[in-house]
């Protein structure tokens, strides 16, 4: 349905879970800076329990 309304749109699957974005946003909110490697390590440890 999205392709019908926006034919030039490309959909991709996210690399990290949604929670990873929350971690990055929280860091930005408090002025925390981390290296890409630190974020990679954090994101690898995030698991979603259902």
PDB file of N, CA and C in Angstrom:
ATOM      1  N   UNK A   1       0.818  -1.181   0.000  1.00  0.00           N
ATOM      2  CA  UNK A   1       0.000   0.000   0.000  1.00  0.00           C
ATOM      3  C   UNK A   1       0.880   1.271   0.000  1.00  0.00           C
ATOM      4  N   UNK A   2       1.967   1.238   0.744  1.00  0.00           N
ATOM      5  CA  UNK A   2       2.870   2.389   0.779  1.00  0.00           C
ATOM      6  C   UNK A   2       3.474   2.632  -0.604  1.00  0.00           C
ATOM      7  N   UNK A   3       3.850   1.566  -1.280  1.00  0.00           N
ATOM      8  CA  UNK A   3       4.436   1.696  -2.619  1.00  0.00           C
ATOM      9  C   UNK A   3       3.457   2.319  -3.604  1.00  0.00           C
ATOM     10  N   UNK A   4       2.165   2.079  -3.414  1.00  0.00           N
ATOM     11  CA  UNK A   4       1.164   2.677  -4.295  1.00  0.00           C
ATOM     12  C   UNK A   4       1.093   4.185  -4.084  1.00  0.00           C
ATOM     13  N   UNK A   5       1.176   4.611  -2.830  1.00  0.00           N
ATOM     14  CA  UNK A   5       1.077   6.035  -2.517  1.00  0.00           C
ATOM     15  C   UNK A   5       2.399   6.775  -2.697  1.00  0.00           C
ATOM     16  N   UNK A   6       3.512   6.077  -2.441  1.00  0.00           N
ATOM     17  CA  UNK A   6       4.840   6.676  -2.561  1.00  0.00           C
ATOM     18  C   UNK A   6       5.739   5.729  -3.358  1.00  0.00           C
ATOM     19  N   UNK A   7       5.583   5.685  -4.672  1.00  0.00           N
ATOM     20  CA  UNK A   7       6.291   4.697  -5.485  1.00  0.00           C
ATOM     21  C   UNK A   7       7.815   4.823  -5.469  1.00  0.00           C
ATOM     22  N   UNK A   8       8.343   5.997  -5.146  1.00  0.00           N
ATOM     23  CA  UNK A   8       9.799   6.166  -5.129  1.00  0.00           C
ATOM     24  C   UNK A   8      10.421   5.826  -3.785  1.00  0.00           C
ATOM     25  N   UNK A   9       9.616   5.348  -2.844  1.00  0.00           N
ATOM     26  CA  UNK A   9      10.089   5.021  -1.506  1.00  0.00           C
ATOM     27  C   UNK A   9      10.788   3.668  -1.497  1.00  0.00           C
ATOM     28  N   UNK A  10      11.913   3.600  -0.774  1.00  0.00           N
ATOM     29  CA  UNK A  10      12.623   2.341  -0.589  1.00  0.00           C
ATOM     30  C   UNK A  10      12.519   1.953   0.876  1.00  0.00           C
ATOM     31  N   UNK A  11      12.057   0.751   1.134  1.00  0.00           N
ATOM     32  CA  UNK A  11      11.938   0.268   2.500  1.00  0.00           C
ATOM     33  C   UNK A  11      13.128  -0.618   2.845  1.00  0.00           C
ATOM     34  N   UNK A  12      13.667  -0.424   4.028  1.00  0.00           N
ATOM     35  CA  UNK A  12      14.762  -1.269   4.502  1.00  0.00           C
ATOM     36  C   UNK A  12      14.464  -1.703   5.932  1.00  0.00           C
ATOM     37  N   UNK A  13      15.015  -2.821   6.313  1.00  0.00           N
ATOM     38  CA  UNK A  13      14.868  -3.291   7.687  1.00  0.00           C
ATOM     39  C   UNK A  13      15.905  -2.582   8.554  1.00  0.00           C
ATOM     40  N   UNK A  14      15.539  -2.231   9.786  1.00  0.00           N
ATOM     41  CA  UNK A  14      16.512  -1.586  10.664  1.00  0.00           C
ATOM     42  C   UNK A  14      17.631  -2.546  11.053  1.00  0.00           C
ATOM     43  N   UNK A  15      18.798  -1.989  11.289  1.00  0.00           N
ATOM     44  CA  UNK A  15      19.945  -2.787  11.711  1.00  0.00           C
ATOM     45  C   UNK A  15      19.831  -3.122  13.191  1.00  0.00           C
ATOM     46  N   UNK A  16      19.338  -2.167  13.976  1.00  0.00           N
ATOM     47  CA  UNK A  16      19.238  -2.327  15.420  1.00  0.00           C
ATOM     48  C   UNK A  16      17.778  -2.266  15.858  1.00  0.00           C
ATOM     49  N   UNK A  17      17.483  -2.836  17.034  1.00  0.00           N
ATOM     50  CA  UNK A  17      16.117  -2.727  17.538  1.00  0.00           C
ATOM     51  C   UNK A  17      15.754  -1.280  17.862  1.00  0.00           C
ATOM     52  N   UNK A  18      14.477  -1.012  17.937  1.00  0.00           N
ATOM     53  CA  UNK A  18      13.988   0.335  18.213  1.00  0.00           C
ATOM     54  C   UNK A  18      14.595   0.885  19.508  1.00  0.00           C
ATOM     55  N   UNK A  19      14.807   0.018  20.470  1.00  0.00           N
ATOM     56  CA  UNK A  19      15.367   0.446  21.750  1.00  0.00           C
ATOM     57  C   UNK A  19      16.739   1.101  21.588  1.00  0.00           C
ATOM     58  N   UNK A  20      17.481   0.723  20.574  1.00  0.00           N
ATOM     59  CA  UNK A  20      18.788   1.325  20.327  1.00  0.00           C
ATOM     60  C   UNK A  20      18.648   2.821  20.055  1.00  0.00           C
ATOM     61  N   UNK A  21      17.616   3.213  19.326  1.00  0.00           N
ATOM     62  CA  UNK A  21      17.372   4.630  19.077  1.00  0.00           C
ATOM     63  C   UNK A  21      17.054   5.370  20.355  1.00  0.00           C
ATOM     64  N   UNK A  22      16.356   4.698  21.265  1.00  0.00           N
ATOM     65  CA  UNK A  22      16.043   5.321  22.553  1.00  0.00           C
ATOM     66  C   UNK A  22      17.307   5.567  23.362  1.00  0.00           C
ATOM     67  N   UNK A  23      18.240   4.646  23.318  1.00  0.00           N
ATOM     68  CA  UNK A  23      19.515   4.819  24.020  1.00  0.00           C
ATOM     69  C   UNK A  23      20.267   6.016  23.446  1.00  0.00           C
ATOM     70  N   UNK A  24      20.351   6.101  22.136  1.00  0.00           N
ATOM     71  CA  UNK A  24      21.045   7.218  21.495  1.00  0.00           C
ATOM     72  C   UNK A  24      20.355   8.548  21.802  1.00  0.00           C
ATOM     73  N   UNK A  25      19.022   8.562  21.775  1.00  0.00           N
ATOM     74  CA  UNK A  25      18.280   9.789  22.075  1.00  0.00           C
ATOM     75  C   UNK A  25      18.483  10.210  23.525  1.00  0.00           C
ATOM     76  N   UNK A  26      18.494   9.257  24.439  1.00  0.00           N
ATOM     77  CA  UNK A  26      18.730   9.581  25.851  1.00  0.00           C
ATOM     78  C   UNK A  26      20.120  10.180  26.034  1.00  0.00           C
ATOM     79  N   UNK A  27      21.114   9.608  25.373  1.00  0.00           N
ATOM     80  CA  UNK A  27      22.467  10.156  25.452  1.00  0.00           C
ATOM     81  C   UNK A  27      22.503  11.593  24.947  1.00  0.00           C
ATOM     82  N   UNK A  28      21.847  11.845  23.826  1.00  0.00           N
ATOM     83  CA  UNK A  28      21.833  13.205  23.279  1.00  0.00           C
ATOM     84  C   UNK A  28      21.148  14.158  24.247  1.00  0.00           C
ATOM     85  N   UNK A  29      20.098  13.687  24.907  1.00  0.00           N
ATOM     86  CA  UNK A  29      19.334  14.516  25.830  1.00  0.00           C
ATOM     87  C   UNK A  29      20.168  14.971  27.027  1.00  0.00           C
ATOM     88  N   UNK A  30      21.073  14.114  27.494  1.00  0.00           N
ATOM     89  CA  UNK A  30      21.889  14.467  28.658  1.00  0.00           C
ATOM     90  C   UNK A  30      23.294  14.934  28.274  1.00  0.00           C
ATOM     91  N   UNK A  31      23.554  15.008  26.975  1.00  0.00           N
ATOM     92  CA  UNK A  31      24.861  15.482  26.520  1.00  0.00           C
ATOM     93  C   UNK A  31      25.947  14.428  26.588  1.00  0.00           C
ATOM     94  N   UNK A  32      25.553  13.169  26.689  1.00  0.00           N
ATOM     95  CA  UNK A  32      26.501  12.049  26.736  1.00  0.00           C
ATOM     96  C   UNK A  32      27.070  11.812  25.340  1.00  0.00           C
ATOM     97  N   UNK A  33      28.364  11.624  25.257  1.00  0.00           N
ATOM     98  CA  UNK A  33      28.974  11.282  23.973  1.00  0.00           C
ATOM     99  C   UNK A  33      29.621   9.903  24.090  1.00  0.00           C
ATOM    100  N   UNK A  34      29.466   9.120  23.063  1.00  0.00           N
ATOM    101  CA  UNK A  34      30.063   7.789  22.999  1.00  0.00           C
ATOM    102  C   UNK A  34      30.648   7.594  21.609  1.00  0.00           C
ATOM    103  N   UNK A  35      31.595   6.704  21.523  1.00  0.00           N
ATOM    104  CA  UNK A  35      32.164   6.361  20.223  1.00  0.00           C
ATOM    105  C   UNK A  35      31.233   5.390  19.509  1.00  0.00           C
ATOM    106  N   UNK A  36      31.411   5.258  18.210  1.00  0.00           N
ATOM    107  CA  UNK A  36      30.620   4.283  17.448  1.00  0.00           C
ATOM    108  C   UNK A  36      30.807   2.876  18.027  1.00  0.00           C
ATOM    109  N   UNK A  37      32.027   2.580  18.443  1.00  0.00           N
ATOM    110  CA  UNK A  37      32.312   1.264  19.000  1.00  0.00           C
ATOM    111  C   UNK A  37      31.544   1.038  20.306  1.00  0.00           C
ATOM    112  N   UNK A  38      31.433   2.071  21.145  1.00  0.00           N
ATOM    113  CA  UNK A  38      30.674   1.935  22.387  1.00  0.00           C
ATOM    114  C   UNK A  38      29.200   1.687  22.089  1.00  0.00           C
ATOM    115  N   UNK A  39      28.656   2.416  21.123  1.00  0.00           N
ATOM    116  CA  UNK A  39      27.256   2.180  20.747  1.00  0.00           C
ATOM    117  C   UNK A  39      27.078   0.781  20.179  1.00  0.00           C
ATOM    118  N   UNK A  40      27.981   0.335  19.353  1.00  0.00           N
ATOM    119  CA  UNK A  40      27.889  -1.013  18.783  1.00  0.00           C
ATOM    120  C   UNK A  40      27.807  -2.048  19.904  1.00  0.00           C
ATOM    121  N   UNK A  41      28.662  -1.895  20.925  1.00  0.00           N
ATOM    122  CA  UNK A  41      28.674  -2.851  22.029  1.00  0.00           C
ATOM    123  C   UNK A  41      27.349  -2.815  22.792  1.00  0.00           C
ATOM    124  N   UNK A  42      26.822  -1.624  23.059  1.00  0.00           N
ATOM    125  CA  UNK A  42      25.538  -1.492  23.747  1.00  0.00           C
ATOM    126  C   UNK A  42      24.432  -2.129  22.918  1.00  0.00           C
ATOM    127  N   UNK A  43      24.379  -1.804  21.627  1.00  0.00           N
ATOM    128  CA  UNK A  43      23.309  -2.305  20.769  1.00  0.00           C
ATOM    129  C   UNK A  43      23.355  -3.808  20.611  1.00  0.00           C
ATOM    130  N   UNK A  44      24.541  -4.384  20.616  1.00  0.00           N
ATOM    131  CA  UNK A  44      24.666  -5.841  20.524  1.00  0.00           C
ATOM    132  C   UNK A  44      24.094  -6.514  21.765  1.00  0.00           C
ATOM    133  N   UNK A  45      24.129  -5.820  22.891  1.00  0.00           N
ATOM    134  CA  UNK A  45      23.660  -6.405  24.158  1.00  0.00           C
ATOM    135  C   UNK A  45      22.154  -6.252  24.355  1.00  0.00           C
ATOM    136  N   UNK A  46      21.515  -5.413  23.549  1.00  0.00           N
ATOM    137  CA  UNK A  46      20.079  -5.190  23.700  1.00  0.00           C
ATOM    138  C   UNK A  46      19.328  -6.397  23.156  1.00  0.00           C
ATOM    139  N   UNK A  47      18.498  -6.971  23.989  1.00  0.00           N
ATOM    140  CA  UNK A  47      17.632  -8.063  23.545  1.00  0.00           C
ATOM    141  C   UNK A  47      16.217  -7.717  23.919  1.00  0.00           C
ATOM    142  N   UNK A  48      15.303  -8.079  23.087  1.00  0.00           N
ATOM    143  CA  UNK A  48      13.896  -7.840  23.318  1.00  0.00           C
ATOM    144  C   UNK A  48      13.273  -9.124  23.845  1.00  0.00           C
ATOM    145  N   UNK A  49      12.683  -9.050  25.008  1.00  0.00           N
ATOM    146  CA  UNK A  49      12.025 -10.207  25.602  1.00  0.00           C
ATOM    147  C   UNK A  49      10.534 -10.074  25.373  1.00  0.00           C
ATOM    148  N   UNK A  50       9.932 -11.090  24.788  1.00  0.00           N
ATOM    149  CA  UNK A  50       8.490 -11.031  24.541  1.00  0.00           C
ATOM    150  C   UNK A  50       7.773 -12.137  25.261  1.00  0.00           C
TER     151      UNK A  50
END
